[in-house]
Amino acid sequence: MEQSIALRELQVERKHIIIELRENDRGRFLKITEEAHGRRNSVIIPSTGLDEFEACLDDVLTEGEEAE
């Protein structure tokens, strides 16, 4: 059975973004859901990849700041 451990929501322009840390029989995972214009898209990142995902996100944001 799947359960939510932590959840945050934000509204960015016309997009509703939900970030959830969830857990099921296979382990924990991060679920990022975007709702916009009646459509829903989700990305699932297993807990084993969260550190690498965070590092990649930090790298991309840092490069973007340097390019300004």
PDB file of N, CA and C in Angstrom:
ATOM      1  N   MET A   1       0.830  -1.179   0.000  1.00  0.00           N
ATOM      2  CA  MET A   1       0.000   0.000   0.000  1.00  0.00           C
ATOM      3  C   MET A   1       0.880   1.249   0.000  1.00  0.00           C
ATOM      4  N   GLU A   2       0.498   2.222  -0.784  1.00  0.00           N
ATOM      5  CA  GLU A   2       1.275   3.452  -0.941  1.00  0.00           C
ATOM      6  C   GLU A   2       0.813   4.507   0.059  1.00  0.00           C
ATOM      7  N   GLN A   3       1.790   5.212   0.657  1.00  0.00           N
ATOM      8  CA  GLN A   3       1.430   6.282   1.584  1.00  0.00           C
ATOM      9  C   GLN A   3       2.337   7.485   1.387  1.00  0.00           C
ATOM     10  N   SER A   4       1.799   8.655   1.685  1.00  0.00           N
ATOM     11  CA  SER A   4       2.542   9.903   1.565  1.00  0.00           C
ATOM     12  C   SER A   4       3.263  10.186   2.880  1.00  0.00           C
ATOM     13  N   ILE A   5       4.555  10.528   2.795  1.00  0.00           N
ATOM     14  CA  ILE A   5       5.357  10.849   3.975  1.00  0.00           C
ATOM     15  C   ILE A   5       5.436  12.361   4.155  1.00  0.00           C
ATOM     16  N   ALA A   6       5.633  13.074   3.057  1.00  0.00           N
ATOM     17  CA  ALA A   6       5.705  14.544   3.087  1.00  0.00           C
ATOM     18  C   ALA A   6       5.170  15.072   1.769  1.00  0.00           C
ATOM     19  N   LEU A   7       4.546  16.251   1.815  1.00  0.00           N
ATOM     20  CA  LEU A   7       3.932  16.816   0.618  1.00  0.00           C
ATOM     21  C   LEU A   7       4.018  18.337   0.670  1.00  0.00           C
ATOM     22  N   ARG A   8       4.397  18.932  -0.453  1.00  0.00           N
ATOM     23  CA  ARG A   8       4.389  20.389  -0.604  1.00  0.00           C
ATOM     24  C   ARG A   8       3.732  20.707  -1.935  1.00  0.00           C
ATOM     25  N   GLU A   9       2.980  21.802  -1.967  1.00  0.00           N
ATOM     26  CA  GLU A   9       2.313  22.238  -3.191  1.00  0.00           C
ATOM     27  C   GLU A   9       2.684  23.684  -3.469  1.00  0.00           C
ATOM     28  N   LEU A  10       2.789  24.022  -4.742  1.00  0.00           N
ATOM     29  CA  LEU A  10       3.006  25.408  -5.108  1.00  0.00           C
ATOM     30  C   LEU A  10       2.312  25.721  -6.415  1.00  0.00           C
ATOM     31  N   GLN A  11       1.980  26.969  -6.557  1.00  0.00           N
ATOM     32  CA  GLN A  11       1.326  27.471  -7.765  1.00  0.00           C
ATOM     33  C   GLN A  11       2.331  28.380  -8.468  1.00  0.00           C
ATOM     34  N   VAL A  12       2.672  28.059  -9.701  1.00  0.00           N
ATOM     35  CA  VAL A  12       3.582  28.871 -10.503  1.00  0.00           C
ATOM     36  C   VAL A  12       2.851  29.215 -11.791  1.00  0.00           C
ATOM     37  N   GLU A  13       2.505  30.480 -11.919  1.00  0.00           N
ATOM     38  CA  GLU A  13       1.689  30.934 -13.038  1.00  0.00           C
ATOM     39  C   GLU A  13       0.435  30.069 -13.117  1.00  0.00           C
ATOM     40  N   ARG A  14       0.207  29.358 -14.201  1.00  0.00           N
ATOM     41  CA  ARG A  14      -1.003  28.532 -14.328  1.00  0.00           C
ATOM     42  C   ARG A  14      -0.754  27.062 -14.015  1.00  0.00           C
ATOM     43  N   LYS A  15       0.386  26.775 -13.435  1.00  0.00           N
ATOM     44  CA  LYS A  15       0.732  25.389 -13.132  1.00  0.00           C
ATOM     45  C   LYS A  15       0.632  25.131 -11.632  1.00  0.00           C
ATOM     46  N   HIS A  16       0.047  24.005 -11.298  1.00  0.00           N
ATOM     47  CA  HIS A  16      -0.027  23.548  -9.919  1.00  0.00           C
ATOM     48  C   HIS A  16       0.993  22.421  -9.804  1.00  0.00           C
ATOM     49  N   ILE A  17       1.958  22.565  -8.905  1.00  0.00           N
ATOM     50  CA  ILE A  17       3.032  21.588  -8.767  1.00  0.00           C
ATOM     51  C   ILE A  17       2.935  20.946  -7.387  1.00  0.00           C
ATOM     52  N   ILE A  18       2.981  19.631  -7.366  1.00  0.00           N
ATOM     53  CA  ILE A  18       2.909  18.865  -6.123  1.00  0.00           C
ATOM     54  C   ILE A  18       4.189  18.041  -6.014  1.00  0.00           C
ATOM     55  N   ILE A  19       4.889  18.189  -4.892  1.00  0.00           N
ATOM     56  CA  ILE A  19       6.104  17.421  -4.640  1.00  0.00           C
ATOM     57  C   ILE A  19       5.838  16.545  -3.423  1.00  0.00           C
ATOM     58  N   GLU A  20       5.927  15.236  -3.625  1.00  0.00           N
ATOM     59  CA  GLU A  20       5.607  14.292  -2.555  1.00  0.00           C
ATOM     60  C   GLU A  20       6.738  13.295  -2.340  1.00  0.00           C
ATOM     61  N   LEU A  21       7.046  13.038  -1.086  1.00  0.00           N
ATOM     62  CA  LEU A  21       7.887  11.899  -0.742  1.00  0.00           C
ATOM     63  C   LEU A  21       6.912  10.801  -0.343  1.00  0.00           C
ATOM     64  N   ARG A  22       6.954   9.688  -1.059  1.00  0.00           N
ATOM     65  CA  ARG A  22       5.990   8.605  -0.845  1.00  0.00           C
ATOM     66  C   ARG A  22       6.736   7.303  -0.561  1.00  0.00           C
ATOM     67  N   GLU A  23       5.986   6.320  -0.098  1.00  0.00           N
ATOM     68  CA  GLU A  23       6.565   5.012   0.195  1.00  0.00           C
ATOM     69  C   GLU A  23       5.555   3.925  -0.155  1.00  0.00           C
ATOM     70  N   ASN A  24       6.063   2.838  -0.730  1.00  0.00           N
ATOM     71  CA  ASN A  24       5.226   1.669  -0.983  1.00  0.00           C
ATOM     72  C   ASN A  24       6.032   0.423  -0.630  1.00  0.00           C
ATOM     73  N   ASP A  25       5.543  -0.742  -1.007  1.00  0.00           N
ATOM     74  CA  ASP A  25       6.213  -2.005  -0.668  1.00  0.00           C
ATOM     75  C   ASP A  25       7.630  -2.094  -1.232  1.00  0.00           C
ATOM     76  N   ARG A  26       7.886  -1.371  -2.312  1.00  0.00           N
ATOM     77  CA  ARG A  26       9.209  -1.425  -2.956  1.00  0.00           C
ATOM     78  C   ARG A  26      10.170  -0.366  -2.447  1.00  0.00           C
ATOM     79  N   GLY A  27       9.713   0.556  -1.583  1.00  0.00           N
ATOM     80  CA  GLY A  27      10.599   1.563  -1.011  1.00  0.00           C
ATOM     81  C   GLY A  27      10.064   2.971  -1.163  1.00  0.00           C
ATOM     82  N   ARG A  28      10.937   3.927  -0.872  1.00  0.00           N
ATOM     83  CA  ARG A  28      10.566   5.345  -0.947  1.00  0.00           C
ATOM     84  C   ARG A  28      10.893   5.922  -2.317  1.00  0.00           C
ATOM     85  N   PHE A  29      10.152   6.987  -2.661  1.00  0.00           N
ATOM     86  CA  PHE A  29      10.389   7.656  -3.936  1.00  0.00           C
ATOM     87  C   PHE A  29       9.844   9.070  -3.869  1.00  0.00           C
ATOM     88  N   LEU A  30      10.386   9.922  -4.719  1.00  0.00           N
ATOM     89  CA  LEU A  30       9.919  11.292  -4.857  1.00  0.00           C
ATOM     90  C   LEU A  30       9.026  11.349  -6.088  1.00  0.00           C
ATOM     91  N   LYS A  31       7.851  11.935  -5.923  1.00  0.00           N
ATOM     92  CA  LYS A  31       6.910  12.078  -7.034  1.00  0.00           C
ATOM     93  C   LYS A  31       6.663  13.566  -7.243  1.00  0.00           C
ATOM     94  N   ILE A  32       6.956  14.048  -8.440  1.00  0.00           N
ATOM     95  CA  ILE A  32       6.728  15.447  -8.798  1.00  0.00           C
ATOM     96  C   ILE A  32       5.629  15.458  -9.848  1.00  0.00           C
ATOM     97  N   THR A  33       4.529  16.130  -9.529  1.00  0.00           N
ATOM     98  CA  THR A  33       3.371  16.168 -10.422  1.00  0.00           C
ATOM     99  C   THR A  33       3.087  17.602 -10.830  1.00  0.00           C
ATOM    100  N   GLU A  34       2.855  17.790 -12.120  1.00  0.00           N
ATOM    101  CA  GLU A  34       2.488  19.098 -12.672  1.00  0.00           C
ATOM    102  C   GLU A  34       1.073  18.987 -13.221  1.00  0.00           C
ATOM    103  N   GLU A  35       0.209  19.884 -12.784  1.00  0.00           N
ATOM    104  CA  GLU A  35      -1.149  19.954 -13.321  1.00  0.00           C
ATOM    105  C   GLU A  35      -1.301  21.299 -14.013  1.00  0.00           C
ATOM    106  N   ALA A  36      -1.653  21.257 -15.298  1.00  0.00           N
ATOM    107  CA  ALA A  36      -1.829  22.494 -16.062  1.00  0.00           C
ATOM    108  C   ALA A  36      -2.793  22.233 -17.207  1.00  0.00           C
ATOM    109  N   HIS A  37      -3.718  23.150 -17.392  1.00  0.00           N
ATOM    110  CA  HIS A  37      -4.666  23.074 -18.506  1.00  0.00           C
ATOM    111  C   HIS A  37      -5.414  21.740 -18.542  1.00  0.00           C
ATOM    112  N   GLY A  38      -5.763  21.210 -17.370  1.00  0.00           N
ATOM    113  CA  GLY A  38      -6.511  19.964 -17.308  1.00  0.00           C
ATOM    114  C   GLY A  38      -5.693  18.708 -17.540  1.00  0.00           C
ATOM    115  N   ARG A  39      -4.383  18.854 -17.650  1.00  0.00           N
ATOM    116  CA  ARG A  39      -3.503  17.698 -17.868  1.00  0.00           C
ATOM    117  C   ARG A  39      -2.616  17.501 -16.655  1.00  0.00           C
ATOM    118  N   ARG A  40      -2.246  16.258 -16.416  1.00  0.00           N
ATOM    119  CA  ARG A  40      -1.387  15.926 -15.283  1.00  0.00           C
ATOM    120  C   ARG A  40      -0.203  15.103 -15.783  1.00  0.00           C
ATOM    121  N   ASN A  41       0.999  15.533 -15.405  1.00  0.00           N
ATOM    122  CA  ASN A  41       2.224  14.811 -15.747  1.00  0.00           C
ATOM    123  C   ASN A  41       3.006  14.570 -14.464  1.00  0.00           C
ATOM    124  N   SER A  42       3.594  13.385 -14.341  1.00  0.00           N
ATOM    125  CA  SER A  42       4.355  13.051 -13.136  1.00  0.00           C
ATOM    126  C   SER A  42       5.712  12.479 -13.493  1.00  0.00           C
ATOM    127  N   VAL A  43       6.655  12.725 -12.591  1.00  0.00           N
ATOM    128  CA  VAL A  43       7.990  12.140 -12.669  1.00  0.00           C
ATOM    129  C   VAL A  43       8.224  11.432 -11.340  1.00  0.00           C
ATOM    130  N   ILE A  44       8.728  10.209 -11.400  1.00  0.00           N
ATOM    131  CA  ILE A  44       9.015   9.421 -10.204  1.00  0.00           C
ATOM    132  C   ILE A  44      10.525   9.216 -10.125  1.00  0.00           C
ATOM    133  N   ILE A  45      11.098   9.525  -8.960  1.00  0.00           N
ATOM    134  CA  ILE A  45      12.531   9.320  -8.751  1.00  0.00           C
ATOM    135  C   ILE A  45      12.696   8.407  -7.536  1.00  0.00           C
ATOM    136  N   PRO A  46      13.253   7.204  -7.723  1.00  0.00           N
ATOM    137  CA  PRO A  46      13.459   6.291  -6.595  1.00  0.00           C
ATOM    138  C   PRO A  46      14.409   6.904  -5.562  1.00  0.00           C
ATOM    139  N   SER A  47      14.257   6.512  -4.314  1.00  0.00           N
ATOM    140  CA  SER A  47      15.089   7.072  -3.246  1.00  0.00           C
ATOM    141  C   SER A  47      16.575   6.854  -3.505  1.00  0.00           C
ATOM    142  N   THR A  48      16.919   5.791  -4.211  1.00  0.00           N
ATOM    143  CA  THR A  48      18.327   5.517  -4.505  1.00  0.00           C
ATOM    144  C   THR A  48      18.939   6.567  -5.432  1.00  0.00           C
ATOM    145  N   GLY A  49      18.111   7.344  -6.123  1.00  0.00           N
ATOM    146  CA  GLY A  49      18.619   8.363  -7.037  1.00  0.00           C
ATOM    147  C   GLY A  49      18.423   9.787  -6.555  1.00  0.00           C
ATOM    148  N   LEU A  50      17.901   9.973  -5.340  1.00  0.00           N
ATOM    149  CA  LEU A  50      17.586  11.327  -4.873  1.00  0.00           C
ATOM    150  C   LEU A  50      18.820  12.202  -4.681  1.00  0.00           C
ATOM    151  N   ASP A  51      19.905  11.648  -4.147  1.00  0.00           N
ATOM    152  CA  ASP A  51      21.123  12.450  -3.966  1.00  0.00           C
ATOM    153  C   ASP A  51      21.669  12.916  -5.310  1.00  0.00           C
ATOM    154  N   GLU A  52      21.695  12.017  -6.283  1.00  0.00           N
ATOM    155  CA  GLU A  52      22.186  12.366  -7.617  1.00  0.00           C
ATOM    156  C   GLU A  52      21.259  13.382  -8.291  1.00  0.00           C
ATOM    157  N   PHE A  53      19.950  13.213  -8.120  1.00  0.00           N
ATOM    158  CA  PHE A  53      18.980  14.160  -8.678  1.00  0.00           C
ATOM    159  C   PHE A  53      19.189  15.549  -8.080  1.00  0.00           C
ATOM    160  N   GLU A  54      19.359  15.616  -6.764  1.00  0.00           N
ATOM    161  CA  GLU A  54      19.577  16.899  -6.094  1.00  0.00           C
ATOM    162  C   GLU A  54      20.864  17.563  -6.591  1.00  0.00           C
ATOM    163  N   ALA A  55      21.929  16.781  -6.751  1.00  0.00           N
ATOM    164  CA  ALA A  55      23.199  17.318  -7.240  1.00  0.00           C
ATOM    165  C   ALA A  55      23.056  17.850  -8.667  1.00  0.00           C
ATOM    166  N   CYS A  56      22.359  17.123  -9.525  1.00  0.00           N
ATOM    167  CA  CYS A  56      22.142  17.570 -10.907  1.00  0.00           C
ATOM    168  C   CYS A  56      21.311  18.845 -10.945  1.00  0.00           C
ATOM    169  N   LEU A  57      20.278  18.911 -10.127  1.00  0.00           N
ATOM    170  CA  LEU A  57      19.441  20.108 -10.068  1.00  0.00           C
ATOM    171  C   LEU A  57      20.261  21.310  -9.609  1.00  0.00           C
ATOM    172  N   ASP A  58      21.073  21.126  -8.578  1.00  0.00           N
ATOM    173  CA  ASP A  58      21.941  22.210  -8.107  1.00  0.00           C
ATOM    174  C   ASP A  58      22.900  22.666  -9.205  1.00  0.00           C
ATOM    175  N   ASP A  59      23.490  21.711  -9.931  1.00  0.00           N
ATOM    176  CA  ASP A  59      24.421  22.047 -11.015  1.00  0.00           C
ATOM    177  C   ASP A  59      23.738  22.872 -12.099  1.00  0.00           C
ATOM    178  N   VAL A  60      22.560  22.452 -12.511  1.00  0.00           N
ATOM    179  CA  VAL A  60      21.830  23.158 -13.569  1.00  0.00           C
ATOM    180  C   VAL A  60      21.470  24.573 -13.115  1.00  0.00           C
ATOM    181  N   LEU A  61      21.002  24.719 -11.887  1.00  0.00           N
ATOM    182  CA  LEU A  61      20.636  26.044 -11.378  1.00  0.00           C
ATOM    183  C   LEU A  61      21.856  26.948 -11.251  1.00  0.00           C
ATOM    184  N   THR A  62      22.979  26.393 -10.816  1.00  0.00           N
ATOM    185  CA  THR A  62      24.214  27.171 -10.707  1.00  0.00           C
ATOM    186  C   THR A  62      24.685  27.628 -12.081  1.00  0.00           C
ATOM    187  N   GLU A  63      24.667  26.731 -13.066  1.00  0.00           N
ATOM    188  CA  GLU A  63      25.054  27.105 -14.429  1.00  0.00           C
ATOM    189  C   GLU A  63      24.143  28.190 -14.977  1.00  0.00           C
ATOM    190  N   GLY A  64      22.866  28.096 -14.686  1.00  0.00           N
ATOM    191  CA  GLY A  64      21.915  29.107 -15.144  1.00  0.00           C
ATOM    192  C   GLY A  64      22.189  30.470 -14.542  1.00  0.00           C
ATOM    193  N   GLU A  65      22.549  30.493 -13.257  1.00  0.00           N
ATOM    194  CA  GLU A  65      22.876  31.763 -12.597  1.00  0.00           C
ATOM    195  C   GLU A  65      24.144  32.370 -13.187  1.00  0.00           C
ATOM    196  N   GLU A  66      25.118  31.519 -13.497  1.00  0.00           N
ATOM    197  CA  GLU A  66      26.379  32.007 -14.059  1.00  0.00           C
ATOM    198  C   GLU A  66      26.192  32.534 -15.474  1.00  0.00           C
ATOM    199  N   ALA A  67      25.215  32.017 -16.197  1.00  0.00           N
ATOM    200  CA  ALA A  67      24.982  32.431 -17.583  1.00  0.00           C
ATOM    201  C   ALA A  67      24.261  33.772 -17.676  1.00  0.00           C
ATOM    202  N   GLU A  68      23.702  34.241 -16.578  1.00  0.00           N
ATOM    203  CA  GLU A  68      22.954  35.513 -16.614  1.00  0.00           C
ATOM    204  C   GLU A  68      23.866  36.704 -16.714  1.00  0.00           C
TER     205      GLU A  68
END
